[in-house]
């Protein structure tokens, strides 16, 4: 009987050791920096930003139909690869691909607006990494707002905007609680919404300057900052 108990104890100890070794291996694998992945995400993000901006250089020769088709093909192709990466690693945090790699992964997830279910999946995993200090809180806030609007709900942080085309002034789309928005923004490291909207207004004006000048508008209307 003692011999059997002894065998059981040894077996349990060995099992415990194997379990701990397995856990350590899993943590080690998770924390190992993946340069190849970081490089891939960087290249993908460069193409993503071409598609996300107004046509530049050779792309100016495209018709509106050709440009929209190009944009759709970039975002759709990237999403397929992002899904593979997400399935293998979850949300790409700082530990896996560095701050730039994590930023690039998040940036492209932002452009999967046609697939909010996928964005929601990523958002849930991103929250875990944010809580561990392994992802950027402000980026999380931007994705929260994007997802909320994409599923027909109100945004929380006011990061998603539309523009008054007569003044060039940006304004938040369907904001949940304007009285508390700056408090919420501060909690994730975002600047006051007035500063943010002014920056967006100026950027939008520069991108569409020719059209505004034709309307006699030489600068965008900005919010007063106290």
C-alpha atoms as a PDB file:
ATOM      1  CA  UNK A   1       0.000   0.000   0.000  1.00  0.00           C
ATOM      2  CA  UNK A   2       2.850   2.386   0.940  1.00  0.00           C
ATOM      3  CA  UNK A   3       4.522   1.511  -2.333  1.00  0.00           C
ATOM      4  CA  UNK A   4       1.375   2.438  -4.302  1.00  0.00           C
ATOM      5  CA  UNK A   5       1.006   5.733  -2.407  1.00  0.00           C
ATOM      6  CA  UNK A   6       4.658   6.482  -3.081  1.00  0.00           C
ATOM      7  CA  UNK A   7       4.196   5.868  -6.792  1.00  0.00           C
ATOM      8  CA  UNK A   8       1.134   8.128  -6.835  1.00  0.00           C
ATOM      9  CA  UNK A   9       3.023  10.928  -5.048  1.00  0.00           C
ATOM     10  CA  UNK A  10       5.934  10.685  -7.478  1.00  0.00           C
ATOM     11  CA  UNK A  11       3.503  10.658 -10.391  1.00  0.00           C
ATOM     12  CA  UNK A  12       1.741  13.767  -9.106  1.00  0.00           C
ATOM     13  CA  UNK A  13       5.045  15.542  -8.573  1.00  0.00           C
ATOM     14  CA  UNK A  14       6.178  14.693 -12.087  1.00  0.00           C
ATOM     15  CA  UNK A  15       2.828  15.828 -13.494  1.00  0.00           C
ATOM     16  CA  UNK A  16       3.106  19.072 -11.526  1.00  0.00           C
ATOM     17  CA  UNK A  17       6.619  19.647 -12.839  1.00  0.00           C
ATOM     18  CA  UNK A  18       5.500  19.010 -16.401  1.00  0.00           C
ATOM     19  CA  UNK A  19       2.587  21.404 -15.932  1.00  0.00           C
ATOM     20  CA  UNK A  20       4.850  24.145 -14.556  1.00  0.00           C
ATOM     21  CA  UNK A  21       7.367  23.553 -17.350  1.00  0.00           C
ATOM     22  CA  UNK A  22       4.573  23.771 -19.894  1.00  0.00           C
ATOM     23  CA  UNK A  23       3.330  27.042 -18.345  1.00  0.00           C
ATOM     24  CA  UNK A  24       6.840  28.510 -18.353  1.00  0.00           C
ATOM     25  CA  UNK A  25       7.304  27.472 -21.978  1.00  0.00           C
ATOM     26  CA  UNK A  26       3.995  29.090 -22.911  1.00  0.00           C
ATOM     27  CA  UNK A  27       4.938  32.362 -21.181  1.00  0.00           C
ATOM     28  CA  UNK A  28       8.375  32.321 -22.785  1.00  0.00           C
ATOM     29  CA  UNK A  29       6.894  31.767 -26.244  1.00  0.00           C
ATOM     30  CA  UNK A  30       4.412  34.579 -25.693  1.00  0.00           C
ATOM     31  CA  UNK A  31       7.103  37.040 -24.659  1.00  0.00           C
ATOM     32  CA  UNK A  32       9.529  36.175 -27.457  1.00  0.00           C
ATOM     33  CA  UNK A  33       9.891  39.102 -29.847  1.00  0.00           C
ATOM     34  CA  UNK A  34       8.980  38.193 -33.426  1.00  0.00           C
ATOM     35  CA  UNK A  35      10.992  40.387 -35.779  1.00  0.00           C
ATOM     36  CA  UNK A  36       9.635  38.677 -38.880  1.00  0.00           C
ATOM     37  CA  UNK A  37       6.066  39.484 -37.822  1.00  0.00           C
ATOM     38  CA  UNK A  38       7.009  43.068 -36.946  1.00  0.00           C
ATOM     39  CA  UNK A  39       8.551  43.513 -40.408  1.00  0.00           C
ATOM     40  CA  UNK A  40       5.499  42.032 -42.110  1.00  0.00           C
ATOM     41  CA  UNK A  41       3.110  44.306 -40.195  1.00  0.00           C
ATOM     42  CA  UNK A  42       5.222  47.337 -41.090  1.00  0.00           C
ATOM     43  CA  UNK A  43       5.049  46.561 -44.811  1.00  0.00           C
ATOM     44  CA  UNK A  44       1.310  45.913 -44.612  1.00  0.00           C
ATOM     45  CA  UNK A  45       0.735  49.172 -42.715  1.00  0.00           C
ATOM     46  CA  UNK A  46       2.608  51.181 -45.342  1.00  0.00           C
ATOM     47  CA  UNK A  47       0.219  49.900 -48.019  1.00  0.00           C
ATOM     48  CA  UNK A  48      -2.735  50.374 -45.677  1.00  0.00           C
ATOM     49  CA  UNK A  49      -1.903  54.041 -45.247  1.00  0.00           C
ATOM     50  CA  UNK A  50      -1.734  54.572 -48.996  1.00  0.00           C
ATOM     51  CA  UNK A  51      -5.249  53.150 -49.289  1.00  0.00           C
ATOM     52  CA  UNK A  52      -6.544  55.045 -46.240  1.00  0.00           C
ATOM     53  CA  UNK A  53      -5.397  58.459 -47.507  1.00  0.00           C
ATOM     54  CA  UNK A  54      -6.449  60.449 -50.573  1.00  0.00           C
ATOM     55  CA  UNK A  55      -4.837  59.285 -53.857  1.00  0.00           C
ATOM     56  CA  UNK A  56      -1.236  60.410 -54.220  1.00  0.00           C
ATOM     57  CA  UNK A  57       1.339  60.122 -57.008  1.00  0.00           C
ATOM     58  CA  UNK A  58       0.519  57.463 -59.583  1.00  0.00           C
ATOM     59  CA  UNK A  59      -2.770  56.688 -57.805  1.00  0.00           C
ATOM     60  CA  UNK A  60      -4.125  60.096 -58.864  1.00  0.00           C
ATOM     61  CA  UNK A  61      -4.491  58.672 -62.371  1.00  0.00           C
ATOM     62  CA  UNK A  62      -7.148  56.227 -61.146  1.00  0.00           C
ATOM     63  CA  UNK A  63     -10.848  56.870 -61.621  1.00  0.00           C
ATOM     64  CA  UNK A  64     -13.014  56.956 -58.482  1.00  0.00           C
ATOM     65  CA  UNK A  65     -14.187  53.428 -59.276  1.00  0.00           C
ATOM     66  CA  UNK A  66     -10.631  52.145 -59.692  1.00  0.00           C
ATOM     67  CA  UNK A  67      -9.492  53.849 -56.480  1.00  0.00           C
ATOM     68  CA  UNK A  68     -12.361  52.444 -54.426  1.00  0.00           C
ATOM     69  CA  UNK A  69     -11.724  49.002 -55.856  1.00  0.00           C
ATOM     70  CA  UNK A  70      -8.039  49.306 -54.928  1.00  0.00           C
ATOM     71  CA  UNK A  71      -8.890  50.390 -51.372  1.00  0.00           C
ATOM     72  CA  UNK A  72     -11.340  47.526 -50.910  1.00  0.00           C
ATOM     73  CA  UNK A  73      -8.817  44.990 -52.190  1.00  0.00           C
ATOM     74  CA  UNK A  74      -6.133  46.280 -49.776  1.00  0.00           C
ATOM     75  CA  UNK A  75      -8.385  46.205 -46.710  1.00  0.00           C
ATOM     76  CA  UNK A  76      -9.919  42.822 -47.619  1.00  0.00           C
ATOM     77  CA  UNK A  77      -6.580  41.157 -48.340  1.00  0.00           C
ATOM     78  CA  UNK A  78      -5.050  42.555 -45.172  1.00  0.00           C
ATOM     79  CA  UNK A  79      -7.993  41.397 -43.090  1.00  0.00           C
ATOM     80  CA  UNK A  80      -7.473  37.796 -44.193  1.00  0.00           C
ATOM     81  CA  UNK A  81      -3.866  37.923 -43.011  1.00  0.00           C
ATOM     82  CA  UNK A  82      -4.777  39.778 -39.805  1.00  0.00           C
ATOM     83  CA  UNK A  83      -7.255  37.017 -38.961  1.00  0.00           C
ATOM     84  CA  UNK A  84      -4.484  34.428 -39.302  1.00  0.00           C
ATOM     85  CA  UNK A  85      -2.203  36.452 -37.048  1.00  0.00           C
ATOM     86  CA  UNK A  86      -4.974  37.016 -34.508  1.00  0.00           C
ATOM     87  CA  UNK A  87      -5.857  33.314 -34.437  1.00  0.00           C
ATOM     88  CA  UNK A  88      -2.236  32.435 -33.719  1.00  0.00           C
ATOM     89  CA  UNK A  89      -1.278  35.187 -31.274  1.00  0.00           C
ATOM     90  CA  UNK A  90      -4.389  37.049 -30.136  1.00  0.00           C
ATOM     91  CA  UNK A  91      -3.927  40.823 -30.073  1.00  0.00           C
ATOM     92  CA  UNK A  92      -0.368  41.712 -31.061  1.00  0.00           C
ATOM     93  CA  UNK A  93       1.150  43.385 -28.019  1.00  0.00           C
ATOM     94  CA  UNK A  94       4.427  45.195 -27.376  1.00  0.00           C
ATOM     95  CA  UNK A  95       6.132  41.978 -26.275  1.00  0.00           C
ATOM     96  CA  UNK A  96       5.469  40.194 -29.563  1.00  0.00           C
ATOM     97  CA  UNK A  97       6.160  42.881 -32.171  1.00  0.00           C
ATOM     98  CA  UNK A  98       7.264  46.010 -30.304  1.00  0.00           C
ATOM     99  CA  UNK A  99       5.310  49.244 -29.978  1.00  0.00           C
ATOM    100  CA  UNK A 100       5.452  49.902 -33.705  1.00  0.00           C
ATOM    101  CA  UNK A 101       4.289  46.397 -34.599  1.00  0.00           C
ATOM    102  CA  UNK A 102       1.432  46.540 -32.094  1.00  0.00           C
ATOM    103  CA  UNK A 103       0.442  49.966 -33.458  1.00  0.00           C
ATOM    104  CA  UNK A 104       0.477  48.679 -37.031  1.00  0.00           C
ATOM    105  CA  UNK A 105      -1.694  45.668 -36.176  1.00  0.00           C
ATOM    106  CA  UNK A 106      -4.232  47.896 -34.411  1.00  0.00           C
ATOM    107  CA  UNK A 107      -4.177  50.441 -37.230  1.00  0.00           C
ATOM    108  CA  UNK A 108      -5.223  47.872 -39.807  1.00  0.00           C
ATOM    109  CA  UNK A 109      -7.888  46.371 -37.552  1.00  0.00           C
ATOM    110  CA  UNK A 110      -9.412  49.866 -37.535  1.00  0.00           C
ATOM    111  CA  UNK A 111      -9.988  49.505 -41.270  1.00  0.00           C
ATOM    112  CA  UNK A 112     -12.023  46.288 -40.994  1.00  0.00           C
ATOM    113  CA  UNK A 113     -15.177  48.360 -40.588  1.00  0.00           C
ATOM    114  CA  UNK A 114     -17.102  46.047 -42.887  1.00  0.00           C
ATOM    115  CA  UNK A 115     -16.539  43.259 -40.345  1.00  0.00           C
ATOM    116  CA  UNK A 116     -17.435  44.615 -36.869  1.00  0.00           C
ATOM    117  CA  UNK A 117     -17.708  41.075 -35.451  1.00  0.00           C
ATOM    118  CA  UNK A 118     -14.000  40.586 -36.114  1.00  0.00           C
ATOM    119  CA  UNK A 119     -13.227  44.017 -34.659  1.00  0.00           C
ATOM    120  CA  UNK A 120     -15.157  43.088 -31.494  1.00  0.00           C
ATOM    121  CA  UNK A 121     -13.157  39.870 -31.107  1.00  0.00           C
ATOM    122  CA  UNK A 122      -9.923  41.803 -31.383  1.00  0.00           C
ATOM    123  CA  UNK A 123     -11.193  44.465 -28.977  1.00  0.00           C
ATOM    124  CA  UNK A 124     -11.845  41.872 -26.252  1.00  0.00           C
ATOM    125  CA  UNK A 125      -8.316  40.491 -26.517  1.00  0.00           C
ATOM    126  CA  UNK A 126      -6.830  43.964 -26.757  1.00  0.00           C
ATOM    127  CA  UNK A 127      -8.416  44.927 -23.422  1.00  0.00           C
ATOM    128  CA  UNK A 128      -6.536  42.066 -21.760  1.00  0.00           C
ATOM    129  CA  UNK A 129      -3.230  43.333 -23.160  1.00  0.00           C
ATOM    130  CA  UNK A 130      -4.027  46.946 -22.218  1.00  0.00           C
ATOM    131  CA  UNK A 131      -4.693  45.873 -18.624  1.00  0.00           C
ATOM    132  CA  UNK A 132      -1.291  44.165 -18.586  1.00  0.00           C
ATOM    133  CA  UNK A 133       0.443  47.259 -19.941  1.00  0.00           C
ATOM    134  CA  UNK A 134       1.149  45.384 -23.174  1.00  0.00           C
ATOM    135  CA  UNK A 135      -0.920  47.589 -25.521  1.00  0.00           C
ATOM    136  CA  UNK A 136      -1.701  51.286 -25.856  1.00  0.00           C
ATOM    137  CA  UNK A 137      -4.816  52.436 -23.914  1.00  0.00           C
ATOM    138  CA  UNK A 138      -5.568  55.354 -26.250  1.00  0.00           C
ATOM    139  CA  UNK A 139      -5.588  53.008 -29.246  1.00  0.00           C
ATOM    140  CA  UNK A 140      -8.034  50.815 -27.357  1.00  0.00           C
ATOM    141  CA  UNK A 141     -10.314  53.822 -26.945  1.00  0.00           C
ATOM    142  CA  UNK A 142     -10.250  54.580 -30.657  1.00  0.00           C
ATOM    143  CA  UNK A 143     -11.171  50.987 -31.480  1.00  0.00           C
ATOM    144  CA  UNK A 144     -13.954  51.003 -28.860  1.00  0.00           C
ATOM    145  CA  UNK A 145     -15.535  54.008 -30.577  1.00  0.00           C
ATOM    146  CA  UNK A 146     -15.117  52.506 -34.013  1.00  0.00           C
ATOM    147  CA  UNK A 147     -16.774  49.260 -32.980  1.00  0.00           C
ATOM    148  CA  UNK A 148     -19.603  50.985 -31.137  1.00  0.00           C
ATOM    149  CA  UNK A 149     -20.569  53.002 -34.204  1.00  0.00           C
ATOM    150  CA  UNK A 150     -20.168  50.009 -36.494  1.00  0.00           C
ATOM    151  CA  UNK A 151     -22.699  48.023 -34.455  1.00  0.00           C
ATOM    152  CA  UNK A 152     -25.144  50.931 -34.245  1.00  0.00           C
ATOM    153  CA  UNK A 153     -24.332  52.176 -30.736  1.00  0.00           C
ATOM    154  CA  UNK A 154     -23.006  55.464 -29.364  1.00  0.00           C
ATOM    155  CA  UNK A 155     -19.299  56.102 -29.100  1.00  0.00           C
ATOM    156  CA  UNK A 156     -17.661  56.714 -25.722  1.00  0.00           C
ATOM    157  CA  UNK A 157     -14.526  58.800 -26.313  1.00  0.00           C
ATOM    158  CA  UNK A 158     -15.563  60.971 -29.272  1.00  0.00           C
ATOM    159  CA  UNK A 159     -12.729  59.847 -31.541  1.00  0.00           C
ATOM    160  CA  UNK A 160     -14.850  59.221 -34.636  1.00  0.00           C
ATOM    161  CA  UNK A 161     -15.830  62.411 -36.394  1.00  0.00           C
ATOM    162  CA  UNK A 162     -17.778  63.972 -39.245  1.00  0.00           C
ATOM    163  CA  UNK A 163     -17.271  67.429 -40.717  1.00  0.00           C
ATOM    164  CA  UNK A 164     -19.388  70.495 -41.354  1.00  0.00           C
ATOM    165  CA  UNK A 165     -18.561  70.990 -45.022  1.00  0.00           C
ATOM    166  CA  UNK A 166     -19.521  74.674 -44.854  1.00  0.00           C
ATOM    167  CA  UNK A 167     -17.027  75.500 -42.089  1.00  0.00           C
ATOM    168  CA  UNK A 168     -14.542  72.605 -42.128  1.00  0.00           C
ATOM    169  CA  UNK A 169     -15.168  72.015 -38.409  1.00  0.00           C
ATOM    170  CA  UNK A 170     -15.027  68.450 -37.088  1.00  0.00           C
ATOM    171  CA  UNK A 171     -17.654  67.153 -34.681  1.00  0.00           C
ATOM    172  CA  UNK A 172     -18.029  63.767 -32.911  1.00  0.00           C
ATOM    173  CA  UNK A 173     -20.492  61.297 -34.386  1.00  0.00           C
ATOM    174  CA  UNK A 174     -23.242  60.047 -32.067  1.00  0.00           C
ATOM    175  CA  UNK A 175     -21.442  60.711 -28.776  1.00  0.00           C
ATOM    176  CA  UNK A 176     -22.847  59.030 -25.667  1.00  0.00           C
ATOM    177  CA  UNK A 177     -22.063  61.560 -22.922  1.00  0.00           C
ATOM    178  CA  UNK A 178     -20.488  64.862 -23.928  1.00  0.00           C
ATOM    179  CA  UNK A 179     -20.381  66.172 -20.335  1.00  0.00           C
ATOM    180  CA  UNK A 180     -18.106  63.315 -19.214  1.00  0.00           C
ATOM    181  CA  UNK A 181     -16.151  62.775 -22.412  1.00  0.00           C
ATOM    182  CA  UNK A 182     -12.973  64.626 -21.382  1.00  0.00           C
ATOM    183  CA  UNK A 183     -12.812  62.721 -18.102  1.00  0.00           C
ATOM    184  CA  UNK A 184     -13.099  59.448 -19.987  1.00  0.00           C
ATOM    185  CA  UNK A 185     -10.540  60.552 -22.575  1.00  0.00           C
ATOM    186  CA  UNK A 186      -8.048  61.516 -19.882  1.00  0.00           C
ATOM    187  CA  UNK A 187      -8.373  58.063 -18.294  1.00  0.00           C
ATOM    188  CA  UNK A 188      -6.871  56.452 -21.419  1.00  0.00           C
ATOM    189  CA  UNK A 189      -4.327  59.151 -22.212  1.00  0.00           C
ATOM    190  CA  UNK A 190      -6.239  61.155 -24.816  1.00  0.00           C
ATOM    191  CA  UNK A 191      -6.121  64.952 -25.040  1.00  0.00           C
ATOM    192  CA  UNK A 192      -9.268  67.063 -24.383  1.00  0.00           C
ATOM    193  CA  UNK A 193     -11.815  66.602 -27.147  1.00  0.00           C
ATOM    194  CA  UNK A 194     -11.649  70.265 -28.216  1.00  0.00           C
ATOM    195  CA  UNK A 195      -7.931  69.920 -29.003  1.00  0.00           C
ATOM    196  CA  UNK A 196      -8.538  66.661 -30.810  1.00  0.00           C
ATOM    197  CA  UNK A 197     -11.383  68.063 -32.923  1.00  0.00           C
ATOM    198  CA  UNK A 198      -9.321  71.117 -33.839  1.00  0.00           C
ATOM    199  CA  UNK A 199      -6.485  68.889 -35.012  1.00  0.00           C
ATOM    200  CA  UNK A 200      -8.889  66.797 -37.074  1.00  0.00           C
ATOM    201  CA  UNK A 201     -10.460  69.958 -38.530  1.00  0.00           C
ATOM    202  CA  UNK A 202      -7.062  71.283 -39.628  1.00  0.00           C
ATOM    203  CA  UNK A 203      -6.010  67.967 -41.140  1.00  0.00           C
ATOM    204  CA  UNK A 204      -9.303  67.585 -43.005  1.00  0.00           C
ATOM    205  CA  UNK A 205      -9.047  71.161 -44.282  1.00  0.00           C
ATOM    206  CA  UNK A 206      -5.554  70.555 -45.679  1.00  0.00           C
ATOM    207  CA  UNK A 207      -6.693  67.355 -47.389  1.00  0.00           C
ATOM    208  CA  UNK A 208      -9.641  69.174 -49.007  1.00  0.00           C
ATOM    209  CA  UNK A 209      -8.159  72.648 -49.275  1.00  0.00           C
ATOM    210  CA  UNK A 210      -8.902  73.147 -52.952  1.00  0.00           C
ATOM    211  CA  UNK A 211     -12.625  72.532 -52.452  1.00  0.00           C
ATOM    212  CA  UNK A 212     -12.836  74.820 -49.425  1.00  0.00           C
ATOM    213  CA  UNK A 213     -10.944  77.621 -51.174  1.00  0.00           C
ATOM    214  CA  UNK A 214     -13.491  77.478 -54.006  1.00  0.00           C
ATOM    215  CA  UNK A 215     -16.195  78.040 -51.367  1.00  0.00           C
ATOM    216  CA  UNK A 216     -14.304  81.048 -50.056  1.00  0.00           C
ATOM    217  CA  UNK A 217     -13.198  79.286 -46.864  1.00  0.00           C
ATOM    218  CA  UNK A 218      -9.543  79.979 -46.129  1.00  0.00           C
ATOM    219  CA  UNK A 219      -9.306  78.185 -42.800  1.00  0.00           C
ATOM    220  CA  UNK A 220     -11.445  75.770 -40.761  1.00  0.00           C
ATOM    221  CA  UNK A 221     -13.612  76.883 -37.878  1.00  0.00           C
ATOM    222  CA  UNK A 222     -12.046  75.771 -34.582  1.00  0.00           C
ATOM    223  CA  UNK A 223     -13.309  75.185 -31.061  1.00  0.00           C
ATOM    224  CA  UNK A 224     -12.365  77.627 -28.316  1.00  0.00           C
ATOM    225  CA  UNK A 225      -9.869  76.112 -25.888  1.00  0.00           C
ATOM    226  CA  UNK A 226     -10.082  77.385 -22.331  1.00  0.00           C
END
